[in-house]
Amino acid sequence: MASMRSRNLCLIALLALLIVASAGCGGSTKKTNGVASKPADAIVAAAAAATNSATSVHVSGTIPENGQLLSIDLHIAGSRGGSGWMAEKGARADIIRIGSKAYMKGSAAFWRSFGGKAAAQIFAGRWIMGSATSGNFASLTPLTDLHRFVGGMLSDHGKLVKGATTTIAGRSVVAITDTATQGGTLYIAATGQSYPVQLVATGKSAGKLTFDQWNAVVTLTAPKGAIDLKKLAH
């Protein structure tokens, strides 16, 4: 009986090893999408096509702005708008854009930096509403339009050079480097849809953006009690 039990335990252990081995031989890896074998320009074109067909994306990281690094965390719903926050030197503002209307709620530090002490006393912690097509809030539109933000990034570049295939956040990606003076390296998914995964810039344009949660549901809701800038102007 004891020897029979030992043989059974050995058989169970062997089956477990076989199951683990078979899972590691492709069961958990996604099929490549073929972009890694293409030239650099074709890979970026594939990423642009995938981006143009996407409905939403989450973008987070830092981008250069007037010699400073602007931190952003945005959920963008196609061209409908987006929501999230941006911050510079500890001055943060929450932003929402829904179609032609934009909303902003800045911290006291934000308003002191961009509007002065009086603005901080009046507006800190309160939502402000303005036009997303003209005026001061119009600059929020390119940040909250998937095709203008990400699509524009993919079309504005110099000579491209393909690099090695590597892994970011567990996903296989191929590196594409822009050889322009203020270029950077874009990592594009080599499995699944060929979406941009990360952009790393160096030099004066140093920063890093990560793109994830493609096609996730993004709910945009106008904040209640927002102060209308038009009414303040009268």
C-alpha atoms as a PDB file:
ATOM      1  CA  MET A   1       0.000   0.000   0.000  1.00  0.00           C
ATOM      2  CA  ALA A   2       2.801   2.414   0.921  1.00  0.00           C
ATOM      3  CA  SER A   3       4.661   1.832  -2.354  1.00  0.00           C
ATOM      4  CA  MET A   4       1.416   2.216  -4.321  1.00  0.00           C
ATOM      5  CA  ARG A   5       0.739   5.569  -2.575  1.00  0.00           C
ATOM      6  CA  SER A   6       4.289   6.735  -3.361  1.00  0.00           C
ATOM      7  CA  ARG A   7       3.866   5.866  -7.031  1.00  0.00           C
ATOM      8  CA  ASN A   8       0.526   7.750  -7.115  1.00  0.00           C
ATOM      9  CA  LEU A   9       2.147  10.824  -5.540  1.00  0.00           C
ATOM     10  CA  CYS A  10       4.979  10.696  -8.066  1.00  0.00           C
ATOM     11  CA  LEU A  11       2.458  10.449 -10.914  1.00  0.00           C
ATOM     12  CA  ILE A  12       0.510  13.458  -9.580  1.00  0.00           C
ATOM     13  CA  ALA A  13       3.733  15.459  -9.241  1.00  0.00           C
ATOM     14  CA  LEU A  14       4.744  14.517 -12.800  1.00  0.00           C
ATOM     15  CA  LEU A  15       1.341  15.562 -14.175  1.00  0.00           C
ATOM     16  CA  ALA A  16       1.609  18.891 -12.327  1.00  0.00           C
ATOM     17  CA  LEU A  17       5.032  19.523 -13.856  1.00  0.00           C
ATOM     18  CA  LEU A  18       3.691  18.715 -17.327  1.00  0.00           C
ATOM     19  CA  ILE A  19       0.776  21.117 -16.869  1.00  0.00           C
ATOM     20  CA  VAL A  20       3.081  23.930 -15.730  1.00  0.00           C
ATOM     21  CA  ALA A  21       5.475  23.242 -18.602  1.00  0.00           C
ATOM     22  CA  SER A  22       2.711  23.273 -21.211  1.00  0.00           C
ATOM     23  CA  ALA A  23       1.353  26.549 -19.805  1.00  0.00           C
ATOM     24  CA  GLY A  24       4.793  28.079 -20.098  1.00  0.00           C
ATOM     25  CA  CYS A  25       5.149  26.986 -23.726  1.00  0.00           C
ATOM     26  CA  GLY A  26       2.650  29.429 -25.183  1.00  0.00           C
ATOM     27  CA  GLY A  27      -0.519  29.019 -23.173  1.00  0.00           C
ATOM     28  CA  SER A  28      -0.079  32.408 -21.445  1.00  0.00           C
ATOM     29  CA  THR A  29       1.673  34.371 -24.189  1.00  0.00           C
ATOM     30  CA  LYS A  30      -0.185  36.389 -26.792  1.00  0.00           C
ATOM     31  CA  LYS A  31       0.358  35.837 -30.468  1.00  0.00           C
ATOM     32  CA  THR A  32       2.671  38.354 -32.106  1.00  0.00           C
ATOM     33  CA  ASN A  33       1.033  40.888 -34.406  1.00  0.00           C
ATOM     34  CA  GLY A  34       3.885  40.892 -36.919  1.00  0.00           C
ATOM     35  CA  VAL A  35       4.990  44.523 -36.548  1.00  0.00           C
ATOM     36  CA  ALA A  36       8.405  43.614 -35.133  1.00  0.00           C
ATOM     37  CA  SER A  37       9.429  42.253 -38.540  1.00  0.00           C
ATOM     38  CA  LYS A  38       8.454  45.452 -40.376  1.00  0.00           C
ATOM     39  CA  PRO A  39      10.574  48.567 -41.033  1.00  0.00           C
ATOM     40  CA  ALA A  40      10.312  51.483 -38.580  1.00  0.00           C
ATOM     41  CA  ASP A  41       7.982  53.663 -40.685  1.00  0.00           C
ATOM     42  CA  ALA A  42       5.595  50.762 -41.250  1.00  0.00           C
ATOM     43  CA  ILE A  43       5.508  49.994 -37.529  1.00  0.00           C
ATOM     44  CA  VAL A  44       4.594  53.589 -36.666  1.00  0.00           C
ATOM     45  CA  ALA A  45       1.977  53.561 -39.433  1.00  0.00           C
ATOM     46  CA  ALA A  46       0.470  50.422 -37.880  1.00  0.00           C
ATOM     47  CA  ALA A  47       0.428  52.135 -34.474  1.00  0.00           C
ATOM     48  CA  ALA A  48      -1.283  55.173 -36.002  1.00  0.00           C
ATOM     49  CA  ALA A  49      -3.940  52.978 -37.624  1.00  0.00           C
ATOM     50  CA  ALA A  50      -4.586  51.172 -34.332  1.00  0.00           C
ATOM     51  CA  THR A  51      -4.805  54.494 -32.492  1.00  0.00           C
ATOM     52  CA  ASN A  52      -7.246  55.939 -35.015  1.00  0.00           C
ATOM     53  CA  SER A  53      -9.597  53.005 -34.475  1.00  0.00           C
ATOM     54  CA  ALA A  54      -9.388  53.136 -30.670  1.00  0.00           C
ATOM     55  CA  THR A  55     -12.220  54.577 -28.570  1.00  0.00           C
ATOM     56  CA  SER A  56     -10.258  55.521 -25.456  1.00  0.00           C
ATOM     57  CA  VAL A  57      -6.898  55.439 -23.701  1.00  0.00           C
ATOM     58  CA  HIS A  58      -5.290  56.241 -20.350  1.00  0.00           C
ATOM     59  CA  VAL A  59      -2.206  58.461 -20.624  1.00  0.00           C
ATOM     60  CA  SER A  60       0.075  59.171 -17.666  1.00  0.00           C
ATOM     61  CA  GLY A  61       3.557  60.556 -17.135  1.00  0.00           C
ATOM     62  CA  THR A  62       5.411  63.780 -17.848  1.00  0.00           C
ATOM     63  CA  ILE A  63       5.736  66.093 -20.852  1.00  0.00           C
ATOM     64  CA  PRO A  64       7.867  69.234 -21.320  1.00  0.00           C
ATOM     65  CA  GLU A  65       5.995  72.540 -21.066  1.00  0.00           C
ATOM     66  CA  ASN A  66       7.740  75.929 -21.203  1.00  0.00           C
ATOM     67  CA  GLY A  67      10.990  74.509 -19.872  1.00  0.00           C
ATOM     68  CA  GLN A  68       9.267  72.597 -17.064  1.00  0.00           C
ATOM     69  CA  LEU A  69       7.950  69.071 -16.729  1.00  0.00           C
ATOM     70  CA  LEU A  70       4.172  68.849 -16.665  1.00  0.00           C
ATOM     71  CA  SER A  71       2.780  65.735 -15.001  1.00  0.00           C
ATOM     72  CA  ILE A  72      -0.473  64.398 -16.442  1.00  0.00           C
ATOM     73  CA  ASP A  73      -2.894  61.577 -15.755  1.00  0.00           C
ATOM     74  CA  LEU A  74      -5.753  61.519 -18.233  1.00  0.00           C
ATOM     75  CA  HIS A  75      -8.520  59.197 -19.373  1.00  0.00           C
ATOM     76  CA  ILE A  76      -9.338  60.243 -22.941  1.00  0.00           C
ATOM     77  CA  ALA A  77     -12.556  59.184 -24.665  1.00  0.00           C
ATOM     78  CA  GLY A  78     -11.827  59.530 -28.365  1.00  0.00           C
ATOM     79  CA  SER A  79     -12.737  63.031 -29.525  1.00  0.00           C
ATOM     80  CA  ARG A  80     -15.584  63.335 -26.978  1.00  0.00           C
ATOM     81  CA  GLY A  81     -13.285  64.624 -24.256  1.00  0.00           C
ATOM     82  CA  GLY A  82     -11.443  63.400 -21.228  1.00  0.00           C
ATOM     83  CA  SER A  83     -10.848  63.788 -17.523  1.00  0.00           C
ATOM     84  CA  GLY A  84      -7.946  63.656 -15.115  1.00  0.00           C
ATOM     85  CA  TRP A  85      -5.354  66.024 -13.731  1.00  0.00           C
ATOM     86  CA  MET A  86      -2.176  67.887 -14.556  1.00  0.00           C
ATOM     87  CA  ALA A  87       0.451  69.294 -12.189  1.00  0.00           C
ATOM     88  CA  GLU A  88       3.612  71.374 -12.299  1.00  0.00           C
ATOM     89  CA  LYS A  89       5.884  72.067  -9.318  1.00  0.00           C
ATOM     90  CA  GLY A  90       3.196  70.910  -6.905  1.00  0.00           C
ATOM     91  CA  ALA A  91       0.499  73.083  -8.469  1.00  0.00           C
ATOM     92  CA  ARG A  92      -2.281  70.727  -9.540  1.00  0.00           C
ATOM     93  CA  ALA A  93      -5.476  71.170 -11.498  1.00  0.00           C
ATOM     94  CA  ASP A  94      -8.235  68.642 -12.162  1.00  0.00           C
ATOM     95  CA  ILE A  95      -9.636  68.915 -15.676  1.00  0.00           C
ATOM     96  CA  ILE A  96     -12.663  67.653 -17.574  1.00  0.00           C
ATOM     97  CA  ARG A  97     -13.626  68.282 -21.172  1.00  0.00           C
ATOM     98  CA  ILE A  98     -16.966  67.256 -22.595  1.00  0.00           C
ATOM     99  CA  GLY A  99     -17.387  68.312 -26.195  1.00  0.00           C
ATOM    100  CA  SER A 100     -17.164  72.101 -26.465  1.00  0.00           C
ATOM    101  CA  LYS A 101     -17.094  72.724 -22.709  1.00  0.00           C
ATOM    102  CA  ALA A 102     -14.088  72.481 -20.410  1.00  0.00           C
ATOM    103  CA  TYR A 103     -13.912  72.440 -16.625  1.00  0.00           C
ATOM    104  CA  MET A 104     -10.985  73.054 -14.306  1.00  0.00           C
ATOM    105  CA  LYS A 105     -10.536  72.875 -10.535  1.00  0.00           C
ATOM    106  CA  GLY A 106      -7.173  74.128  -9.362  1.00  0.00           C
ATOM    107  CA  SER A 107      -5.478  73.901  -6.005  1.00  0.00           C
ATOM    108  CA  ALA A 108      -4.552  77.084  -4.120  1.00  0.00           C
ATOM    109  CA  ALA A 109      -0.947  76.613  -5.296  1.00  0.00           C
ATOM    110  CA  PHE A 110      -2.148  76.362  -8.886  1.00  0.00           C
ATOM    111  CA  TRP A 111      -4.104  79.598  -8.747  1.00  0.00           C
ATOM    112  CA  ARG A 112      -1.338  81.449  -6.919  1.00  0.00           C
ATOM    113  CA  SER A 113       1.080  80.417  -9.680  1.00  0.00           C
ATOM    114  CA  PHE A 114      -1.154  81.261 -12.611  1.00  0.00           C
ATOM    115  CA  GLY A 115      -3.632  83.824 -11.318  1.00  0.00           C
ATOM    116  CA  GLY A 116      -2.186  85.402  -8.182  1.00  0.00           C
ATOM    117  CA  LYS A 117      -3.269  85.524  -4.553  1.00  0.00           C
ATOM    118  CA  ALA A 118      -6.717  86.959  -5.305  1.00  0.00           C
ATOM    119  CA  ALA A 119      -7.492  84.178  -7.783  1.00  0.00           C
ATOM    120  CA  ALA A 120      -6.411  81.585  -5.210  1.00  0.00           C
ATOM    121  CA  GLN A 121      -8.814  83.029  -2.657  1.00  0.00           C
ATOM    122  CA  ILE A 122     -11.733  83.043  -5.106  1.00  0.00           C
ATOM    123  CA  PHE A 123     -11.226  79.932  -7.201  1.00  0.00           C
ATOM    124  CA  ALA A 124      -9.187  77.420  -5.162  1.00  0.00           C
ATOM    125  CA  GLY A 125     -11.084  74.145  -4.900  1.00  0.00           C
ATOM    126  CA  ARG A 126     -13.951  75.335  -7.131  1.00  0.00           C
ATOM    127  CA  TRP A 127     -14.801  74.171 -10.631  1.00  0.00           C
ATOM    128  CA  ILE A 128     -14.528  76.769 -13.389  1.00  0.00           C
ATOM    129  CA  MET A 129     -16.307  76.266 -16.711  1.00  0.00           C
ATOM    130  CA  GLY A 130     -15.233  77.751 -20.041  1.00  0.00           C
ATOM    131  CA  SER A 131     -15.206  77.174 -23.770  1.00  0.00           C
ATOM    132  CA  ALA A 132     -13.062  74.303 -25.026  1.00  0.00           C
ATOM    133  CA  THR A 133     -12.876  75.827 -28.509  1.00  0.00           C
ATOM    134  CA  SER A 134     -11.666  79.365 -27.747  1.00  0.00           C
ATOM    135  CA  GLY A 135     -10.098  81.312 -24.903  1.00  0.00           C
ATOM    136  CA  ASN A 136      -7.825  80.066 -22.137  1.00  0.00           C
ATOM    137  CA  PHE A 137      -9.429  76.639 -21.819  1.00  0.00           C
ATOM    138  CA  ALA A 138      -9.035  75.813 -25.522  1.00  0.00           C
ATOM    139  CA  SER A 139      -5.555  74.458 -24.779  1.00  0.00           C
ATOM    140  CA  LEU A 140      -7.187  71.583 -22.883  1.00  0.00           C
ATOM    141  CA  THR A 141      -8.767  70.215 -26.059  1.00  0.00           C
ATOM    142  CA  PRO A 142      -5.603  68.807 -27.689  1.00  0.00           C
ATOM    143  CA  LEU A 143      -4.783  67.067 -24.385  1.00  0.00           C
ATOM    144  CA  THR A 144      -8.212  65.449 -24.199  1.00  0.00           C
ATOM    145  CA  ASP A 145      -8.632  64.365 -27.811  1.00  0.00           C
ATOM    146  CA  LEU A 146      -7.165  60.916 -28.433  1.00  0.00           C
ATOM    147  CA  HIS A 147      -6.506  61.399 -32.131  1.00  0.00           C
ATOM    148  CA  ARG A 148      -5.032  64.882 -31.780  1.00  0.00           C
ATOM    149  CA  PHE A 149      -2.854  64.001 -28.795  1.00  0.00           C
ATOM    150  CA  VAL A 150      -1.627  60.486 -29.538  1.00  0.00           C
ATOM    151  CA  GLY A 151      -2.232  60.596 -33.280  1.00  0.00           C
ATOM    152  CA  GLY A 152      -0.392  63.899 -33.591  1.00  0.00           C
ATOM    153  CA  MET A 153       2.542  62.473 -31.673  1.00  0.00           C
ATOM    154  CA  LEU A 154       2.783  59.577 -34.120  1.00  0.00           C
ATOM    155  CA  SER A 155       2.765  61.834 -37.179  1.00  0.00           C
ATOM    156  CA  ASP A 156       5.246  64.459 -35.923  1.00  0.00           C
ATOM    157  CA  HIS A 157       8.700  62.922 -36.143  1.00  0.00           C
ATOM    158  CA  GLY A 158      12.008  62.842 -37.993  1.00  0.00           C
ATOM    159  CA  LYS A 159      13.890  59.860 -39.371  1.00  0.00           C
ATOM    160  CA  LEU A 160      12.900  56.660 -37.570  1.00  0.00           C
ATOM    161  CA  VAL A 161      15.163  53.764 -36.592  1.00  0.00           C
ATOM    162  CA  LYS A 162      13.913  50.398 -35.371  1.00  0.00           C
ATOM    163  CA  GLY A 163      15.490  49.060 -32.197  1.00  0.00           C
ATOM    164  CA  ALA A 164      15.289  45.820 -30.272  1.00  0.00           C
ATOM    165  CA  THR A 165      12.187  44.012 -29.108  1.00  0.00           C
ATOM    166  CA  THR A 166      11.879  44.202 -25.332  1.00  0.00           C
ATOM    167  CA  THR A 167       9.261  43.972 -22.583  1.00  0.00           C
ATOM    168  CA  ILE A 168       7.369  46.733 -20.766  1.00  0.00           C
ATOM    169  CA  ALA A 169       4.866  45.902 -18.010  1.00  0.00           C
ATOM    170  CA  GLY A 170       4.882  42.278 -19.123  1.00  0.00           C
ATOM    171  CA  ARG A 171       4.101  43.076 -22.742  1.00  0.00           C
ATOM    172  CA  SER A 172       6.372  42.500 -25.728  1.00  0.00           C
ATOM    173  CA  VAL A 173       7.155  45.798 -27.481  1.00  0.00           C
ATOM    174  CA  VAL A 174       9.388  47.004 -30.301  1.00  0.00           C
ATOM    175  CA  ALA A 175      11.418  50.198 -29.884  1.00  0.00           C
ATOM    176  CA  ILE A 176      11.266  52.936 -32.524  1.00  0.00           C
ATOM    177  CA  THR A 177      13.673  55.864 -32.077  1.00  0.00           C
ATOM    178  CA  ASP A 178      13.169  59.292 -33.626  1.00  0.00           C
ATOM    179  CA  THR A 179      16.631  60.529 -34.617  1.00  0.00           C
ATOM    180  CA  ALA A 180      15.547  64.204 -34.646  1.00  0.00           C
ATOM    181  CA  THR A 181      17.279  66.570 -32.203  1.00  0.00           C
ATOM    182  CA  GLN A 182      14.334  66.540 -29.792  1.00  0.00           C
ATOM    183  CA  GLY A 183      13.189  63.028 -30.584  1.00  0.00           C
ATOM    184  CA  GLY A 184      12.689  60.062 -28.320  1.00  0.00           C
ATOM    185  CA  THR A 185      11.941  56.353 -28.299  1.00  0.00           C
ATOM    186  CA  LEU A 186       8.440  55.015 -28.786  1.00  0.00           C
ATOM    187  CA  TYR A 187       7.615  51.470 -27.697  1.00  0.00           C
ATOM    188  CA  ILE A 188       4.851  49.839 -29.725  1.00  0.00           C
ATOM    189  CA  ALA A 189       3.048  46.635 -28.793  1.00  0.00           C
ATOM    190  CA  ALA A 190       4.337  43.570 -30.649  1.00  0.00           C
ATOM    191  CA  THR A 191       1.368  41.458 -29.500  1.00  0.00           C
ATOM    192  CA  GLY A 192      -2.352  42.138 -29.805  1.00  0.00           C
ATOM    193  CA  GLN A 193      -3.204  45.510 -31.327  1.00  0.00           C
ATOM    194  CA  SER A 194      -0.138  47.572 -32.243  1.00  0.00           C
ATOM    195  CA  TYR A 195      -0.898  50.370 -29.784  1.00  0.00           C
ATOM    196  CA  PRO A 196       1.729  52.754 -28.416  1.00  0.00           C
ATOM    197  CA  VAL A 197       2.779  51.509 -24.975  1.00  0.00           C
ATOM    198  CA  GLN A 198       5.335  54.063 -23.830  1.00  0.00           C
ATOM    199  CA  LEU A 199       7.194  57.128 -25.083  1.00  0.00           C
ATOM    200  CA  VAL A 200      10.538  58.071 -23.547  1.00  0.00           C
ATOM    201  CA  ALA A 201      12.087  61.397 -24.563  1.00  0.00           C
ATOM    202  CA  THR A 202      15.541  62.708 -23.727  1.00  0.00           C
ATOM    203  CA  GLY A 203      17.398  66.036 -23.732  1.00  0.00           C
ATOM    204  CA  LYS A 204      15.427  69.267 -23.450  1.00  0.00           C
ATOM    205  CA  SER A 205      12.220  67.366 -24.224  1.00  0.00           C
ATOM    206  CA  ALA A 206      12.869  64.759 -21.514  1.00  0.00           C
ATOM    207  CA  GLY A 207       9.780  63.034 -20.216  1.00  0.00           C
ATOM    208  CA  LYS A 208       7.954  59.717 -20.262  1.00  0.00           C
ATOM    209  CA  LEU A 209       4.390  58.874 -21.167  1.00  0.00           C
ATOM    210  CA  THR A 210       2.663  55.536 -20.669  1.00  0.00           C
ATOM    211  CA  PHE A 211      -0.396  54.486 -22.676  1.00  0.00           C
ATOM    212  CA  ASP A 212      -2.691  51.774 -21.357  1.00  0.00           C
ATOM    213  CA  GLN A 213      -6.337  50.830 -20.763  1.00  0.00           C
ATOM    214  CA  TRP A 214      -7.062  51.077 -24.472  1.00  0.00           C
ATOM    215  CA  ASN A 215     -10.807  50.986 -25.306  1.00  0.00           C
ATOM    216  CA  ALA A 216     -11.861  50.984 -21.643  1.00  0.00           C
ATOM    217  CA  VAL A 217     -15.160  52.656 -20.778  1.00  0.00           C
ATOM    218  CA  VAL A 218     -14.657  56.342 -19.897  1.00  0.00           C
ATOM    219  CA  THR A 219     -17.532  58.174 -18.221  1.00  0.00           C
ATOM    220  CA  LEU A 220     -17.481  61.963 -18.481  1.00  0.00           C
ATOM    221  CA  THR A 221     -19.689  63.891 -16.077  1.00  0.00           C
ATOM    222  CA  ALA A 222     -19.963  67.680 -15.825  1.00  0.00           C
ATOM    223  CA  PRO A 223     -19.237  68.852 -12.256  1.00  0.00           C
ATOM    224  CA  LYS A 224     -22.066  70.554 -10.414  1.00  0.00           C
ATOM    225  CA  GLY A 225     -21.876  74.192  -9.370  1.00  0.00           C
ATOM    226  CA  ALA A 226     -19.155  75.185 -11.849  1.00  0.00           C
ATOM    227  CA  ILE A 227     -18.498  78.923 -12.187  1.00  0.00           C
ATOM    228  CA  ASP A 228     -19.158  80.112 -15.732  1.00  0.00           C
ATOM    229  CA  LEU A 229     -16.301  82.295 -16.998  1.00  0.00           C
ATOM    230  CA  LYS A 230     -18.667  84.100 -19.364  1.00  0.00           C
ATOM    231  CA  LYS A 231     -20.709  85.415 -16.446  1.00  0.00           C
ATOM    232  CA  LEU A 232     -17.591  86.605 -14.656  1.00  0.00           C
ATOM    233  CA  ALA A 233     -16.634  88.652 -17.705  1.00  0.00           C
ATOM    234  CA  HIS A 234     -19.809  90.741 -17.509  1.00  0.00           C
END
